[in-house]
C-alpha atoms as a PDB file:
ATOM      1  CA  MET A   1      -0.306  -0.351   0.132  1.00  0.00           C
ATOM      2  CA  ASN A   2       1.013   3.735  -0.657  1.00  0.00           C
ATOM      3  CA  LYS A   3       1.321   5.916   1.856  1.00  0.00           C
ATOM      4  CA  TRP A   4      -0.802   9.381   1.780  1.00  0.00           C
ATOM      5  CA  ASN A   5      -0.198  12.829   0.993  1.00  0.00           C
ATOM      6  CA  PRO A   6      -0.046  14.543   4.357  1.00  0.00           C
ATOM      7  CA  LEU A   7      -1.067  17.969   2.687  1.00  0.00           C
ATOM      8  CA  ARG A   8      -3.479  16.242   0.528  1.00  0.00           C
ATOM      9  CA  VAL A   9      -5.488  15.058   3.112  1.00  0.00           C
ATOM     10  CA  ALA A  10      -5.286  17.770   5.324  1.00  0.00           C
ATOM     11  CA  MET A  11      -6.598  19.554   2.556  1.00  0.00           C
ATOM     12  CA  TYR A  12      -9.827  17.157   1.846  1.00  0.00           C
ATOM     13  CA  GLY A  13     -10.189  17.281   6.084  1.00  0.00           C
ATOM     14  CA  ALA A  14     -10.494  21.077   5.898  1.00  0.00           C
ATOM     15  CA  CYS A  15     -12.669  20.978   2.971  1.00  0.00           C
ATOM     16  CA  LEU A  16     -15.134  18.606   4.981  1.00  0.00           C
ATOM     17  CA  GLY A  17     -14.577  20.932   8.140  1.00  0.00           C
ATOM     18  CA  LEU A  18     -15.758  23.425   6.565  1.00  0.00           C
ATOM     19  CA  LEU A  19     -19.075  21.726   4.870  1.00  0.00           C
ATOM     20  CA  TYR A  20     -19.547  20.584   8.118  1.00  0.00           C
ATOM     21  CA  ALA A  21     -19.401  23.933  10.212  1.00  0.00           C
ATOM     22  CA  ALA A  22     -21.401  25.695   7.006  1.00  0.00           C
ATOM     23  CA  SER A  23     -24.594  22.895   7.770  1.00  0.00           C
ATOM     24  CA  LEU A  24     -24.135  23.999  11.227  1.00  0.00           C
ATOM     25  CA  GLU A  25     -23.909  27.655  11.003  1.00  0.00           C
ATOM     26  CA  ILE A  26     -26.185  28.324   7.698  1.00  0.00           C
ATOM     27  CA  GLY A  27     -29.004  25.364   8.112  1.00  0.00           C
ATOM     28  CA  LEU A  28     -32.515  25.697   8.575  1.00  0.00           C
ATOM     29  CA  TRP A  29     -31.869  25.098  12.412  1.00  0.00           C
ATOM     30  CA  THR A  30     -30.022  27.707  13.716  1.00  0.00           C
ATOM     31  CA  HIS A  31     -31.243  30.991  15.243  1.00  0.00           C
ATOM     32  CA  PRO A  32     -32.163  34.185  13.225  1.00  0.00           C
ATOM     33  CA  ASP A  33     -30.940  36.234  15.771  1.00  0.00           C
ATOM     34  CA  MET A  34     -27.002  34.625  15.289  1.00  0.00           C
ATOM     35  CA  TYR A  35     -25.660  37.605  12.581  1.00  0.00           C
ATOM     36  CA  GLY A  36     -22.555  38.352  12.533  1.00  0.00           C
ATOM     37  CA  GLN A  37     -21.074  35.475  14.204  1.00  0.00           C
ATOM     38  CA  ALA A  38     -20.907  32.975  11.533  1.00  0.00           C
ATOM     39  CA  GLY A  39     -17.231  33.158  10.324  1.00  0.00           C
ATOM     40  CA  GLY A  40     -15.755  31.996  13.509  1.00  0.00           C
ATOM     41  CA  GLY A  41     -16.963  28.507  13.224  1.00  0.00           C
ATOM     42  CA  LEU A  42     -16.675  28.789   9.785  1.00  0.00           C
ATOM     43  CA  ILE A  43     -12.885  29.444  10.315  1.00  0.00           C
ATOM     44  CA  SER A  44     -12.597  27.139  13.417  1.00  0.00           C
ATOM     45  CA  GLY A  45     -14.399  23.810  11.504  1.00  0.00           C
ATOM     46  CA  THR A  46     -11.722  24.251   8.973  1.00  0.00           C
ATOM     47  CA  VAL A  47      -8.786  24.374  10.796  1.00  0.00           C
ATOM     48  CA  VAL A  48     -10.229  21.094  13.177  1.00  0.00           C
ATOM     49  CA  GLY A  49     -10.952  19.535  10.099  1.00  0.00           C
ATOM     50  CA  ALA A  50      -7.371  20.076   8.597  1.00  0.00           C
ATOM     51  CA  ILE A  51      -5.951  18.982  11.867  1.00  0.00           C
ATOM     52  CA  LEU A  52      -7.929  15.933  12.022  1.00  0.00           C
ATOM     53  CA  GLY A  53      -7.075  14.838   8.618  1.00  0.00           C
ATOM     54  CA  LEU A  54      -3.291  15.247   9.231  1.00  0.00           C
ATOM     55  CA  LEU A  55      -3.832  13.173  12.306  1.00  0.00           C
ATOM     56  CA  VAL A  56      -5.867  10.569  10.493  1.00  0.00           C
ATOM     57  CA  SER A  57      -3.042  10.829   7.454  1.00  0.00           C
ATOM     58  CA  GLY A  58      -0.099  10.336  10.081  1.00  0.00           C
ATOM     59  CA  PHE A  59      -1.719   6.933  12.035  1.00  0.00           C
ATOM     60  CA  ARG A  60      -2.871   5.561   8.786  1.00  0.00           C
ATOM     61  CA  ASN A  61       0.650   6.098   7.522  1.00  0.00           C
ATOM     62  CA  LEU A  62       2.428   4.651  10.756  1.00  0.00           C
ATOM     63  CA  LEU A  63       0.321   1.862  10.035  1.00  0.00           C
ATOM     64  CA  VAL A  64       1.685   1.163   6.499  1.00  0.00           C
ATOM     65  CA  ARG A  65       5.148   1.516   7.916  1.00  0.00           C
ATOM     66  CA  PHE A  66       4.868  -0.976  10.641  1.00  0.00           C
ATOM     67  CA  PHE A  67       2.436  -3.623   8.673  1.00  0.00           C
ATOM     68  CA  SER A  68       3.818  -3.698   5.274  1.00  0.00           C
END
């Protein structure tokens, strides 16, 4: 098995984090009195997604190194 490119996986994780944060903040279930606060959630969702992507790719590459 080939190793994953950590930057590519981080980019995919950031995209997924952004989509998740956008669904939480722009969805129909948000409160209408929360205007002007969407940026912080979108940015933090993107950063958290990128960090999780890096952790997942590092763990997967570690497993590939030891078990192949």
